[in-house]
Every structure is written in structure tokens, then in C-alpha cells.
PDB file of N, CA and C in Angstrom:
ATOM      1  N   MET A   1     142.617 143.239  92.144  1.00  0.00           N
ATOM      2  CA  MET A   1     141.210 143.106  92.294  1.00  0.00           C
ATOM      3  C   MET A   1     140.242 143.605  91.461  1.00  0.00           C
ATOM      4  N   SER A   2     139.617 142.206  91.518  1.00  0.00           N
ATOM      5  CA  SER A   2     138.585 141.804  90.607  1.00  0.00           C
ATOM      6  C   SER A   2     136.975 143.279  90.116  1.00  0.00           C
ATOM      7  N   HIS A   3     137.259 143.482  89.094  1.00  0.00           N
ATOM      8  CA  HIS A   3     136.057 144.584  89.257  1.00  0.00           C
ATOM      9  C   HIS A   3     134.736 143.712  89.616  1.00  0.00           C
ATOM     10  N   PRO A   4     133.926 145.041  90.380  1.00  0.00           N
ATOM     11  CA  PRO A   4     132.693 144.563  90.576  1.00  0.00           C
ATOM     12  C   PRO A   4     131.891 143.576  90.326  1.00  0.00           C
ATOM     13  N   VAL A   5     131.706 143.884  88.806  1.00  0.00           N
ATOM     14  CA  VAL A   5     130.882 143.193  87.924  1.00  0.00           C
ATOM     15  C   VAL A   5     131.087 141.718  87.948  1.00  0.00           C
ATOM     16  N   TRP A   6     131.923 141.416  87.230  1.00  0.00           N
ATOM     17  CA  TRP A   6     132.690 140.054  87.690  1.00  0.00           C
ATOM     18  C   TRP A   6     132.329 139.423  88.716  1.00  0.00           C
ATOM     19  N   ARG A   7     132.344 140.029  89.923  1.00  0.00           N
ATOM     20  CA  ARG A   7     131.920 139.339  90.784  1.00  0.00           C
ATOM     21  C   ARG A   7     130.533 138.931  91.135  1.00  0.00           C
ATOM     22  N   ALA A   8     129.853 139.518  90.705  1.00  0.00           N
ATOM     23  CA  ALA A   8     128.440 139.628  90.515  1.00  0.00           C
ATOM     24  C   ALA A   8     128.035 139.049  89.405  1.00  0.00           C
ATOM     25  N   LEU A   9     128.652 138.366  88.474  1.00  0.00           N
ATOM     26  CA  LEU A   9     128.017 137.603  87.259  1.00  0.00           C
ATOM     27  C   LEU A   9     127.641 136.223  87.954  1.00  0.00           C
ATOM     28  N   PRO A  10     128.398 135.621  88.791  1.00  0.00           N
ATOM     29  CA  PRO A  10     127.985 134.299  89.025  1.00  0.00           C
ATOM     30  C   PRO A  10     126.514 134.393  89.952  1.00  0.00           C
ATOM     31  N   VAL A  11     125.951 135.124  90.357  1.00  0.00           N
ATOM     32  CA  VAL A  11     124.649 135.795  91.291  1.00  0.00           C
ATOM     33  C   VAL A  11     123.929 135.680  90.562  1.00  0.00           C
ATOM     34  N   LEU A  12     124.095 136.997  89.245  1.00  0.00           N
ATOM     35  CA  LEU A  12     123.112 136.538  88.253  1.00  0.00           C
ATOM     36  C   LEU A  12     122.867 135.527  87.381  1.00  0.00           C
ATOM     37  N   ALA A  13     124.001 135.037  87.166  1.00  0.00           N
ATOM     38  CA  ALA A  13     123.677 133.778  86.124  1.00  0.00           C
ATOM     39  C   ALA A  13     122.664 132.972  87.178  1.00  0.00           C
ATOM     40  N   ALA A  14     123.059 132.494  88.224  1.00  0.00           N
ATOM     41  CA  ALA A  14     122.237 131.783  89.215  1.00  0.00           C
ATOM     42  C   ALA A  14     120.715 132.666  89.349  1.00  0.00           C
ATOM     43  N   LEU A  15     120.403 133.572  89.517  1.00  0.00           N
ATOM     44  CA  LEU A  15     119.498 134.069  89.901  1.00  0.00           C
ATOM     45  C   LEU A  15     118.591 134.176  88.315  1.00  0.00           C
ATOM     46  N   CYS A  16     118.888 134.033  86.957  1.00  0.00           N
ATOM     47  CA  CYS A  16     118.779 133.859  85.818  1.00  0.00           C
ATOM     48  C   CYS A  16     117.806 132.389  85.749  1.00  0.00           C
ATOM     49  N   CYS A  17     118.810 131.259  85.794  1.00  0.00           N
ATOM     50  CA  CYS A  17     118.364 129.870  85.731  1.00  0.00           C
ATOM     51  C   CYS A  17     117.097 129.515  86.973  1.00  0.00           C
ATOM     52  N   ALA A  18     117.487 129.928  87.703  1.00  0.00           N
ATOM     53  CA  ALA A  18     116.681 129.290  88.889  1.00  0.00           C
ATOM     54  C   ALA A  18     114.922 129.147  88.751  1.00  0.00           C
ATOM     55  N   PRO A  19     114.391 130.263  88.281  1.00  0.00           N
ATOM     56  CA  PRO A  19     112.945 129.859  88.416  1.00  0.00           C
ATOM     57  C   PRO A  19     113.282 129.125  86.594  1.00  0.00           C
ATOM     58  N   ALA A  20     113.646 129.153  85.844  1.00  0.00           N
ATOM     59  CA  ALA A  20     113.549 127.855  85.136  1.00  0.00           C
ATOM     60  C   ALA A  20     113.260 126.336  85.716  1.00  0.00           C
ATOM     61  N   ALA A  21     114.686 126.344  86.303  1.00  0.00           N
ATOM     62  CA  ALA A  21     115.391 125.079  87.109  1.00  0.00           C
ATOM     63  C   ALA A  21     113.739 124.831  87.856  1.00  0.00           C
ATOM     64  N   ALA A  22     113.184 125.771  88.337  1.00  0.00           N
ATOM     65  CA  ALA A  22     112.639 125.277  89.649  1.00  0.00           C
ATOM     66  C   ALA A  22     110.982 124.437  88.376  1.00  0.00           C
ATOM     67  N   GLN A  23     111.082 124.993  87.171  1.00  0.00           N
ATOM     68  CA  GLN A  23     109.399 124.820  87.155  1.00  0.00           C
ATOM     69  C   GLN A  23     109.829 123.777  85.575  1.00  0.00           C
ATOM     70  N   ALA A  24     111.488 122.602  85.973  1.00  0.00           N
ATOM     71  CA  ALA A  24     111.489 122.082  85.313  1.00  0.00           C
ATOM     72  C   ALA A  24     110.908 120.506  85.338  1.00  0.00           C
ATOM     73  N   HIS A  25     111.122 120.076  86.136  1.00  0.00           N
ATOM     74  CA  HIS A  25     110.444 118.797  87.101  1.00  0.00           C
ATOM     75  C   HIS A  25     108.785 118.784  86.993  1.00  0.00           C
ATOM     76  N   ALA A  26     107.921 117.875  87.347  1.00  0.00           N
ATOM     77  CA  ALA A  26     106.439 117.422  87.482  1.00  0.00           C
ATOM     78  C   ALA A  26     106.810 117.146  88.779  1.00  0.00           C
ATOM     79  N   ILE A  27     106.416 117.604  89.785  1.00  0.00           N
ATOM     80  CA  ILE A  27     105.963 117.402  91.342  1.00  0.00           C
ATOM     81  C   ILE A  27     104.860 117.040  91.604  1.00  0.00           C
ATOM     82  N   LEU A  28     104.917 115.503  92.387  1.00  0.00           N
ATOM     83  CA  LEU A  28     103.310 115.201  92.558  1.00  0.00           C
ATOM     84  C   LEU A  28     102.789 116.424  93.725  1.00  0.00           C
ATOM     85  N   VAL A  29     101.206 116.543  92.973  1.00  0.00           N
ATOM     86  CA  VAL A  29     100.834 117.655  94.263  1.00  0.00           C
ATOM     87  C   VAL A  29      99.477 116.827  95.095  1.00  0.00           C
ATOM     88  N   GLU A  30      98.998 115.792  94.403  1.00  0.00           N
ATOM     89  CA  GLU A  30      97.964 115.803  95.276  1.00  0.00           C
ATOM     90  C   GLU A  30      98.105 113.911  94.851  1.00  0.00           C
ATOM     91  N   SER A  31      97.434 112.904  95.579  1.00  0.00           N
ATOM     92  CA  SER A  31      97.614 111.698  94.922  1.00  0.00           C
ATOM     93  C   SER A  31      96.071 110.984  96.062  1.00  0.00           C
ATOM     94  N   GLN A  32      95.685 109.596  95.194  1.00  0.00           N
ATOM     95  CA  GLN A  32      94.932 109.087  95.902  1.00  0.00           C
ATOM     96  C   GLN A  32      95.699 107.541  95.753  1.00  0.00           C
ATOM     97  N   PRO A  33      95.414 106.752  96.663  1.00  0.00           N
ATOM     98  CA  PRO A  33      95.374 107.056  98.090  1.00  0.00           C
ATOM     99  C   PRO A  33      96.386 108.138  98.419  1.00  0.00           C
ATOM    100  N   ALA A  34      96.315 108.523  99.183  1.00  0.00           N
ATOM    101  CA  ALA A  34      97.222 110.102  99.980  1.00  0.00           C
ATOM    102  C   ALA A  34      98.253 109.289 101.014  1.00  0.00           C
ATOM    103  N   PRO A  35      99.684 109.897 100.995  1.00  0.00           N
ATOM    104  CA  PRO A  35     100.866 109.529 101.311  1.00  0.00           C
ATOM    105  C   PRO A  35     100.832 108.728 102.884  1.00  0.00           C
ATOM    106  N   GLY A  36     101.021 107.737 103.251  1.00  0.00           N
ATOM    107  CA  GLY A  36     100.513 107.565 104.478  1.00  0.00           C
ATOM    108  C   GLY A  36      99.503 106.951 104.996  1.00  0.00           C
ATOM    109  N   GLY A  37      98.427 107.321 103.828  1.00  0.00           N
ATOM    110  CA  GLY A  37      96.988 107.076 104.189  1.00  0.00           C
ATOM    111  C   GLY A  37      96.775 105.788 103.888  1.00  0.00           C
ATOM    112  N   SER A  38      95.136 105.818 104.061  1.00  0.00           N
ATOM    113  CA  SER A  38      94.728 104.197 104.010  1.00  0.00           C
ATOM    114  C   SER A  38      93.680 103.855 103.077  1.00  0.00           C
ATOM    115  N   VAL A  39      93.239 102.374 102.387  1.00  0.00           N
ATOM    116  CA  VAL A  39      91.863 102.909 101.512  1.00  0.00           C
ATOM    117  C   VAL A  39      91.722 101.435 101.608  1.00  0.00           C
ATOM    118  N   GLY A  40      90.430 100.315 101.866  1.00  0.00           N
ATOM    119  CA  GLY A  40      89.953  99.329 101.986  1.00  0.00           C
ATOM    120  C   GLY A  40      90.605  98.618 100.632  1.00  0.00           C
ATOM    121  N   ALA A  41      89.962  97.327 101.349  1.00  0.00           N
ATOM    122  CA  ALA A  41      90.709  96.408 100.518  1.00  0.00           C
ATOM    123  C   ALA A  41      89.783  96.395  99.249  1.00  0.00           C
ATOM    124  N   GLY A  42      90.202  95.806  97.837  1.00  0.00           N
ATOM    125  CA  GLY A  42      89.370  95.272  96.579  1.00  0.00           C
ATOM    126  C   GLY A  42      89.917  96.072  95.871  1.00  0.00           C
ATOM    127  N   ARG A  43      89.160  96.453  94.738  1.00  0.00           N
ATOM    128  CA  ARG A  43      89.725  97.414  93.478  1.00  0.00           C
ATOM    129  C   ARG A  43      89.922  99.164  93.766  1.00  0.00           C
ATOM    130  N   VAL A  44      91.177  98.998  93.889  1.00  0.00           N
ATOM    131  CA  VAL A  44      91.503 100.507  94.077  1.00  0.00           C
ATOM    132  C   VAL A  44      91.417 101.554  93.014  1.00  0.00           C
ATOM    133  N   ASP A  45      91.269 102.419  93.115  1.00  0.00           N
ATOM    134  CA  ASP A  45      91.637 103.759  91.961  1.00  0.00           C
ATOM    135  C   ASP A  45      92.630 104.355  92.776  1.00  0.00           C
ATOM    136  N   ILE A  46      93.762 104.224  91.850  1.00  0.00           N
ATOM    137  CA  ILE A  46      94.749 105.341  91.863  1.00  0.00           C
ATOM    138  C   ILE A  46      95.264 106.739  91.144  1.00  0.00           C
ATOM    139  N   SER A  47      95.332 107.644  92.127  1.00  0.00           N
ATOM    140  CA  SER A  47      95.135 108.592  90.873  1.00  0.00           C
ATOM    141  C   SER A  47      96.348 109.770  91.135  1.00  0.00           C
ATOM    142  N   LEU A  48      96.988 110.520  91.175  1.00  0.00           N
ATOM    143  CA  LEU A  48      98.341 111.247  90.729  1.00  0.00           C
ATOM    144  C   LEU A  48      98.376 112.335  89.959  1.00  0.00           C
ATOM    145  N   ARG A  49      98.229 113.675  91.133  1.00  0.00           N
ATOM    146  CA  ARG A  49      98.139 114.915  90.006  1.00  0.00           C
ATOM    147  C   ARG A  49      99.642 115.446  90.378  1.00  0.00           C
ATOM    148  N   TYR A  50      99.729 115.888  88.974  1.00  0.00           N
ATOM    149  CA  TYR A  50     101.115 116.744  89.342  1.00  0.00           C
ATOM    150  C   TYR A  50     101.038 118.313  89.172  1.00  0.00           C
ATOM    151  N   ASN A  51     101.954 119.163  89.403  1.00  0.00           N
ATOM    152  CA  ASN A  51     102.193 120.433  89.023  1.00  0.00           C
ATOM    153  C   ASN A  51     102.568 121.340  87.423  1.00  0.00           C
ATOM    154  N   SER A  52     102.408 119.906  86.914  1.00  0.00           N
ATOM    155  CA  SER A  52     102.301 120.290  85.011  1.00  0.00           C
ATOM    156  C   SER A  52     102.026 119.126  84.758  1.00  0.00           C
ATOM    157  N   ARG A  53     101.937 119.110  82.684  1.00  0.00           N
ATOM    158  CA  ARG A  53     101.269 118.012  82.376  1.00  0.00           C
ATOM    159  C   ARG A  53     102.791 116.930  82.516  1.00  0.00           C
ATOM    160  N   VAL A  54     102.270 115.668  82.406  1.00  0.00           N
ATOM    161  CA  VAL A  54     103.266 114.511  82.233  1.00  0.00           C
ATOM    162  C   VAL A  54     102.771 113.676  80.602  1.00  0.00           C
ATOM    163  N   ASP A  55     103.729 112.599  80.786  1.00  0.00           N
ATOM    164  CA  ASP A  55     103.306 111.932  79.063  1.00  0.00           C
ATOM    165  C   ASP A  55     103.326 110.811  79.825  1.00  0.00           C
ATOM    166  N   ALA A  56     101.589 110.404  79.959  1.00  0.00           N
ATOM    167  CA  ALA A  56     100.883 109.124  80.268  1.00  0.00           C
ATOM    168  C   ALA A  56     101.689 108.131  79.446  1.00  0.00           C
ATOM    169  N   GLY A  57     102.125 108.155  78.424  1.00  0.00           N
ATOM    170  CA  GLY A  57     102.404 106.582  77.571  1.00  0.00           C
ATOM    171  C   GLY A  57     103.854 106.441  78.138  1.00  0.00           C
ATOM    172  N   ARG A  58     104.942 107.290  78.701  1.00  0.00           N
ATOM    173  CA  ARG A  58     106.048 107.200  78.982  1.00  0.00           C
ATOM    174  C   ARG A  58     106.337 107.311  80.526  1.00  0.00           C
ATOM    175  N   SER A  59     105.205 107.269  80.858  1.00  0.00           N
ATOM    176  CA  SER A  59     105.298 107.536  82.537  1.00  0.00           C
ATOM    177  C   SER A  59     105.007 105.793  83.310  1.00  0.00           C
ATOM    178  N   ARG A  60     105.412 105.705  84.323  1.00  0.00           N
ATOM    179  CA  ARG A  60     105.656 104.270  84.998  1.00  0.00           C
ATOM    180  C   ARG A  60     104.820 104.588  86.347  1.00  0.00           C
ATOM    181  N   LEU A  61     104.078 103.501  86.935  1.00  0.00           N
ATOM    182  CA  LEU A  61     103.921 102.985  88.168  1.00  0.00           C
ATOM    183  C   LEU A  61     104.102 101.360  88.502  1.00  0.00           C
ATOM    184  N   THR A  62     105.164 101.445  89.597  1.00  0.00           N
ATOM    185  CA  THR A  62     105.378 100.149  90.070  1.00  0.00           C
ATOM    186  C   THR A  62     105.171 100.235  91.642  1.00  0.00           C
ATOM    187  N   LEU A  63     104.422  99.304  91.478  1.00  0.00           N
ATOM    188  CA  LEU A  63     103.359  98.927  93.269  1.00  0.00           C
ATOM    189  C   LEU A  63     104.538  97.700  93.577  1.00  0.00           C
ATOM    190  N   THR A  64     104.349  97.629  94.925  1.00  0.00           N
ATOM    191  CA  THR A  64     105.157  96.832  95.726  1.00  0.00           C
ATOM    192  C   THR A  64     104.277  95.908  96.325  1.00  0.00           C
ATOM    193  N   ARG A  65     103.983  95.290  96.886  1.00  0.00           N
ATOM    194  CA  ARG A  65     103.005  94.255  97.348  1.00  0.00           C
ATOM    195  C   ARG A  65     103.776  93.968  98.910  1.00  0.00           C
ATOM    196  N   PRO A  66     102.969  93.934 100.072  1.00  0.00           N
ATOM    197  CA  PRO A  66     103.516  93.404 101.328  1.00  0.00           C
ATOM    198  C   PRO A  66     104.343  92.397 101.429  1.00  0.00           C
ATOM    199  N   ASP A  67     104.550  91.389 100.457  1.00  0.00           N
ATOM    200  CA  ASP A  67     105.055  90.552 100.248  1.00  0.00           C
ATOM    201  C   ASP A  67     106.975  90.898  99.570  1.00  0.00           C
ATOM    202  N   GLY A  68     106.882  92.103  98.674  1.00  0.00           N
ATOM    203  CA  GLY A  68     108.051  92.168  98.330  1.00  0.00           C
ATOM    204  C   GLY A  68     107.648  92.541  96.519  1.00  0.00           C
ATOM    205  N   THR A  69     106.711  91.580  96.354  1.00  0.00           N
ATOM    206  CA  THR A  69     107.035  91.393  94.891  1.00  0.00           C
ATOM    207  C   THR A  69     106.430  92.566  94.079  1.00  0.00           C
ATOM    208  N   GLN A  70     106.700  92.885  92.989  1.00  0.00           N
ATOM    209  CA  GLN A  70     106.621  93.950  92.518  1.00  0.00           C
ATOM    210  C   GLN A  70     105.589  93.919  90.975  1.00  0.00           C
ATOM    211  N   ALA A  71     105.033  94.664  90.672  1.00  0.00           N
ATOM    212  CA  ALA A  71     103.997  94.437  89.219  1.00  0.00           C
ATOM    213  C   ALA A  71     104.155  96.060  88.697  1.00  0.00           C
ATOM    214  N   VAL A  72     103.964  95.897  87.948  1.00  0.00           N
ATOM    215  CA  VAL A  72     103.731  97.237  86.638  1.00  0.00           C
ATOM    216  C   VAL A  72     102.348  97.827  85.904  1.00  0.00           C
ATOM    217  N   LEU A  73     102.161  98.797  87.332  1.00  0.00           N
ATOM    218  CA  LEU A  73     100.647  99.137  86.543  1.00  0.00           C
ATOM    219  C   LEU A  73     100.468  99.785  85.687  1.00  0.00           C
ATOM    220  N   PRO A  74      99.379  99.269  84.854  1.00  0.00           N
ATOM    221  CA  PRO A  74      98.713 100.155  83.430  1.00  0.00           C
ATOM    222  C   PRO A  74      98.367 101.480  83.616  1.00  0.00           C
ATOM    223  N   VAL A  75      98.965 102.124  83.172  1.00  0.00           N
ATOM    224  CA  VAL A  75      98.338 103.783  83.480  1.00  0.00           C
ATOM    225  C   VAL A  75      97.369 104.050  81.989  1.00  0.00           C
ATOM    226  N   ALA A  76      96.326 104.354  83.033  1.00  0.00           N
ATOM    227  CA  ALA A  76      94.989 104.794  81.773  1.00  0.00           C
ATOM    228  C   ALA A  76      95.538 105.924  80.833  1.00  0.00           C
ATOM    229  N   PRO A  77      95.369 105.595  79.532  1.00  0.00           N
ATOM    230  CA  PRO A  77      95.577 107.230  78.141  1.00  0.00           C
ATOM    231  C   PRO A  77      94.922 108.074  78.769  1.00  0.00           C
ATOM    232  N   ALA A  78      93.941 108.387  78.970  1.00  0.00           N
ATOM    233  CA  ALA A  78      92.742 109.042  79.161  1.00  0.00           C
ATOM    234  C   ALA A  78      92.586 109.842  80.547  1.00  0.00           C
ATOM    235  N   GLY A  79      92.149 110.990  80.691  1.00  0.00           N
ATOM    236  CA  GLY A  79      92.491 112.319  81.342  1.00  0.00           C
ATOM    237  C   GLY A  79      93.276 113.322  81.063  1.00  0.00           C
ATOM    238  N   ALA A  80      93.033 113.762  82.352  1.00  0.00           N
ATOM    239  CA  ALA A  80      93.542 115.294  82.871  1.00  0.00           C
ATOM    240  C   ALA A  80      95.016 115.313  82.191  1.00  0.00           C
ATOM    241  N   GLY A  81      95.725 116.279  81.672  1.00  0.00           N
ATOM    242  CA  GLY A  81      97.539 115.949  81.160  1.00  0.00           C
ATOM    243  C   GLY A  81      98.316 115.863  82.268  1.00  0.00           C
ATOM    244  N   GLU A  82      97.647 117.003  83.912  1.00  0.00           N
ATOM    245  CA  GLU A  82      98.532 116.412  84.917  1.00  0.00           C
ATOM    246  C   GLU A  82      98.275 115.547  85.447  1.00  0.00           C
ATOM    247  N   VAL A  83      97.318 114.393  85.320  1.00  0.00           N
ATOM    248  CA  VAL A  83      97.063 113.515  85.671  1.00  0.00           C
ATOM    249  C   VAL A  83      97.134 112.040  85.552  1.00  0.00           C
ATOM    250  N   LEU A  84      97.909 110.979  86.625  1.00  0.00           N
ATOM    251  CA  LEU A  84      98.360 109.758  86.122  1.00  0.00           C
ATOM    252  C   LEU A  84      96.749 108.535  86.799  1.00  0.00           C
ATOM    253  N   THR A  85      96.404 108.116  86.197  1.00  0.00           N
ATOM    254  CA  THR A  85      95.552 106.816  86.893  1.00  0.00           C
ATOM    255  C   THR A  85      95.562 105.415  86.658  1.00  0.00           C
ATOM    256  N   ALA A  86      95.860 105.097  87.577  1.00  0.00           N
ATOM    257  CA  ALA A  86      95.849 103.397  87.490  1.00  0.00           C
ATOM    258  C   ALA A  86      94.302 102.472  88.108  1.00  0.00           C
ATOM    259  N   ARG A  87      93.903 101.330  88.528  1.00  0.00           N
ATOM    260  CA  ARG A  87      93.592 100.407  89.255  1.00  0.00           C
ATOM    261  C   ARG A  87      94.326  99.358  89.678  1.00  0.00           C
ATOM    262  N   ALA A  88      94.125  98.675  90.214  1.00  0.00           N
ATOM    263  CA  ALA A  88      94.522  97.783  90.866  1.00  0.00           C
ATOM    264  C   ALA A  88      93.304  97.071  92.546  1.00  0.00           C
ATOM    265  N   GLU A  89      93.799  95.475  91.884  1.00  0.00           N
ATOM    266  CA  GLU A  89      93.146  95.305  93.015  1.00  0.00           C
ATOM    267  C   GLU A  89      94.078  94.463  94.424  1.00  0.00           C
ATOM    268  N   LEU A  90      93.507  95.559  95.445  1.00  0.00           N
ATOM    269  CA  LEU A  90      94.802  95.179  96.524  1.00  0.00           C
ATOM    270  C   LEU A  90      94.092  94.108  97.975  1.00  0.00           C
ATOM    271  N   ALA A  91      94.663  93.763  98.361  1.00  0.00           N
ATOM    272  CA  ALA A  91      94.918  92.662  99.546  1.00  0.00           C
ATOM    273  C   ALA A  91      94.840  93.445 100.565  1.00  0.00           C
ATOM    274  N   PRO A  92      94.594  93.566 102.157  1.00  0.00           N
ATOM    275  CA  PRO A  92      95.559  94.536 103.282  1.00  0.00           C
ATOM    276  C   PRO A  92      96.914  93.677 103.171  1.00  0.00           C
ATOM    277  N   GLY A  93      97.370  95.114 104.408  1.00  0.00           N
ATOM    278  CA  GLY A  93      98.619  95.118 103.870  1.00  0.00           C
ATOM    279  C   GLY A  93      99.210  96.460 103.545  1.00  0.00           C
ATOM    280  N   SER A  94     100.541  96.249 103.277  1.00  0.00           N
ATOM    281  CA  SER A  94     101.378  97.916 103.399  1.00  0.00           C
ATOM    282  C   SER A  94     102.166  97.554 102.045  1.00  0.00           C
ATOM    283  N   TYR A  95     101.722  98.870 101.321  1.00  0.00           N
ATOM    284  CA  TYR A  95     101.565  99.033  99.675  1.00  0.00           C
ATOM    285  C   TYR A  95     102.656 100.175  99.328  1.00  0.00           C
ATOM    286  N   SER A  96     104.235 100.115  98.838  1.00  0.00           N
ATOM    287  CA  SER A  96     104.928 101.332  98.330  1.00  0.00           C
ATOM    288  C   SER A  96     104.620 101.449  97.004  1.00  0.00           C
ATOM    289  N   LEU A  97     103.805 102.662  96.260  1.00  0.00           N
ATOM    290  CA  LEU A  97     103.894 102.510  94.911  1.00  0.00           C
ATOM    291  C   LEU A  97     104.764 103.369  94.473  1.00  0.00           C
ATOM    292  N   ARG A  98     105.976 103.377  93.297  1.00  0.00           N
ATOM    293  CA  ARG A  98     107.177 103.919  93.224  1.00  0.00           C
ATOM    294  C   ARG A  98     106.616 104.647  91.697  1.00  0.00           C
ATOM    295  N   TRP A  99     106.699 106.305  91.424  1.00  0.00           N
ATOM    296  CA  TRP A  99     105.965 106.912  90.351  1.00  0.00           C
ATOM    297  C   TRP A  99     107.118 107.253  89.605  1.00  0.00           C
ATOM    298  N   GLN A 100     107.090 107.164  88.499  1.00  0.00           N
ATOM    299  CA  GLN A 100     108.164 107.862  87.187  1.00  0.00           C
ATOM    300  C   GLN A 100     107.464 109.002  86.296  1.00  0.00           C
ATOM    301  N   VAL A 101     107.900 109.712  85.992  1.00  0.00           N
ATOM    302  CA  VAL A 101     106.681 110.677  85.320  1.00  0.00           C
ATOM    303  C   VAL A 101     107.693 111.240  84.334  1.00  0.00           C
ATOM    304  N   LEU A 102     107.251 111.086  83.120  1.00  0.00           N
ATOM    305  CA  LEU A 102     108.393 112.091  81.798  1.00  0.00           C
ATOM    306  C   LEU A 102     107.311 113.599  81.708  1.00  0.00           C
ATOM    307  N   ALA A 103     108.006 114.429  82.385  1.00  0.00           N
ATOM    308  CA  ALA A 103     106.979 115.939  81.871  1.00  0.00           C
ATOM    309  C   ALA A 103     106.963 116.121  80.853  1.00  0.00           C
ATOM    310  N   ILE A 104     106.380 116.547  80.118  1.00  0.00           N
ATOM    311  CA  ILE A 104     105.990 117.294  78.868  1.00  0.00           C
ATOM    312  C   ILE A 104     107.351 118.057  78.483  1.00  0.00           C
ATOM    313  N   ASP A 105     108.305 118.810  79.024  1.00  0.00           N
ATOM    314  CA  ASP A 105     109.501 119.153  78.788  1.00  0.00           C
ATOM    315  C   ASP A 105     110.812 118.323  78.968  1.00  0.00           C
ATOM    316  N   GLY A 106     110.376 117.439  79.141  1.00  0.00           N
ATOM    317  CA  GLY A 106     111.441 116.273  78.726  1.00  0.00           C
ATOM    318  C   GLY A 106     112.098 115.711  79.758  1.00  0.00           C
ATOM    319  N   HIS A 107     111.867 116.234  81.317  1.00  0.00           N
ATOM    320  CA  HIS A 107     112.662 115.676  82.628  1.00  0.00           C
ATOM    321  C   HIS A 107     111.870 114.894  83.326  1.00  0.00           C
ATOM    322  N   ILE A 108     112.186 114.101  83.739  1.00  0.00           N
ATOM    323  CA  ILE A 108     112.168 112.472  84.323  1.00  0.00           C
ATOM    324  C   ILE A 108     112.016 113.106  85.872  1.00  0.00           C
ATOM    325  N   THR A 109     111.256 112.424  87.039  1.00  0.00           N
ATOM    326  CA  THR A 109     110.643 112.819  87.991  1.00  0.00           C
ATOM    327  C   THR A 109     110.455 111.370  88.962  1.00  0.00           C
ATOM    328  N   ARG A 110     111.319 111.116  89.775  1.00  0.00           N
ATOM    329  CA  ARG A 110     110.390 109.648  90.745  1.00  0.00           C
ATOM    330  C   ARG A 110     110.187 109.994  91.725  1.00  0.00           C
ATOM    331  N   GLY A 111     109.440 109.182  92.331  1.00  0.00           N
ATOM    332  CA  GLY A 111     109.089 109.624  93.668  1.00  0.00           C
ATOM    333  C   GLY A 111     108.285 108.240  94.515  1.00  0.00           C
ATOM    334  N   ASP A 112     108.040 108.235  95.757  1.00  0.00           N
ATOM    335  CA  ASP A 112     107.208 107.044  96.096  1.00  0.00           C
ATOM    336  C   ASP A 112     106.412 107.563  97.300  1.00  0.00           C
ATOM    337  N   LEU A 113     104.836 106.333  96.653  1.00  0.00           N
ATOM    338  CA  LEU A 113     104.225 106.673  98.005  1.00  0.00           C
ATOM    339  C   LEU A 113     103.908 105.334  98.385  1.00  0.00           C
ATOM    340  N   VAL A 114     103.464 105.578  99.855  1.00  0.00           N
ATOM    341  CA  VAL A 114     103.313 104.731 100.750  1.00  0.00           C
ATOM    342  C   VAL A 114     102.145 104.497 101.489  1.00  0.00           C
ATOM    343  N   PHE A 115     101.671 103.469 101.617  1.00  0.00           N
ATOM    344  CA  PHE A 115     100.229 103.573 102.020  1.00  0.00           C
ATOM    345  C   PHE A 115      99.804 101.957 102.172  1.00  0.00           C
ATOM    346  N   THR A 116      98.537 102.193 102.964  1.00  0.00           N
ATOM    347  CA  THR A 116      97.849 101.218 103.872  1.00  0.00           C
ATOM    348  C   THR A 116      96.644 100.395 103.078  1.00  0.00           C
ATOM    349  N   VAL A 117      96.573  98.958 102.941  1.00  0.00           N
ATOM    350  CA  VAL A 117      95.112  98.528 102.459  1.00  0.00           C
ATOM    351  C   VAL A 117      94.364  97.489 103.512  1.00  0.00           C
ATOM    352  N   THR A 118      93.542  98.401 103.811  1.00  0.00           N
ATOM    353  CA  THR A 118      92.689  97.421 105.431  1.00  0.00           C
ATOM    354  C   THR A 118      91.601  96.724 104.667  1.00  0.00           C
ATOM    355  N   GLY A 119      91.387  95.814 105.523  1.00  0.00           N
ATOM    356  CA  GLY A 119      90.283  94.708 105.363  1.00  0.00           C
ATOM    357  C   GLY A 119      89.041  95.374 105.249  1.00  0.00           C
ATOM    358  N   ASN A 120      88.114  94.694 104.676  1.00  0.00           N
ATOM    359  CA  ASN A 120      86.417  94.898 104.257  1.00  0.00           C
ATOM    360  C   ASN A 120      86.253  94.849 105.551  1.00  0.00           C
TER     361      ASN A 120
END
């Protein structure tokens, strides 16, 4: 029969590591356009806010247009450390924005933001 301390060791190890793992990645907490939202056609300001600082220079925004073509959007170098901003000239249709960010702690996270552009 194993000693109770040895049986508890994996649980203790998991509890010690859980908070660090939860804080290890930049998580999208707010965006403009909003997920599933809509914006008017023309020049669209894109803003993505994360729960931690991200490296804008090593982060990437890829826009998929209604016709399936893709474009990498230049990320503005200035701004708050947890916010990425970009601009795009968009025609009406359904868009998907794939974001990939490098958090200050070195972890990369990715996600997709789907939104619609309406006619003016």
C-alpha cells in the first residue's frame, strides 16, 4: 500500500502549476468589430484588447475576405501594451480575422474573429 503523501503528490503538483498555466497566454477580452458583429463599409478601425501585454511587432493579423482571398494587415506599432490596432478598407460581405499574438511571456495564442461589413 502506498503512503498517502505519495498519492497526494500529483494533485499538489497540478494545483501549484494551474495558476501559472492560466496566466501564460494572452486571451482576447474585447474587440472592435465585436465577434459576430457588423460594421459599415469603408475604412474600418480594428482593435483587439488582450488580458496581458502582447508584442505588437511579432503579432499578426490575417484578414480573409468574402471571396476567400487573404491579406496580412499591418499592426500599428503604437498603443497600449495589451491592444493591437489596424485599419482596413472593407467592402460589404462576411470577413474573418485570424489573430496570432506573442505574449510578453513568450507564449503564442491564436483565434478567429468573424464579422460582417454592411453597405453604407
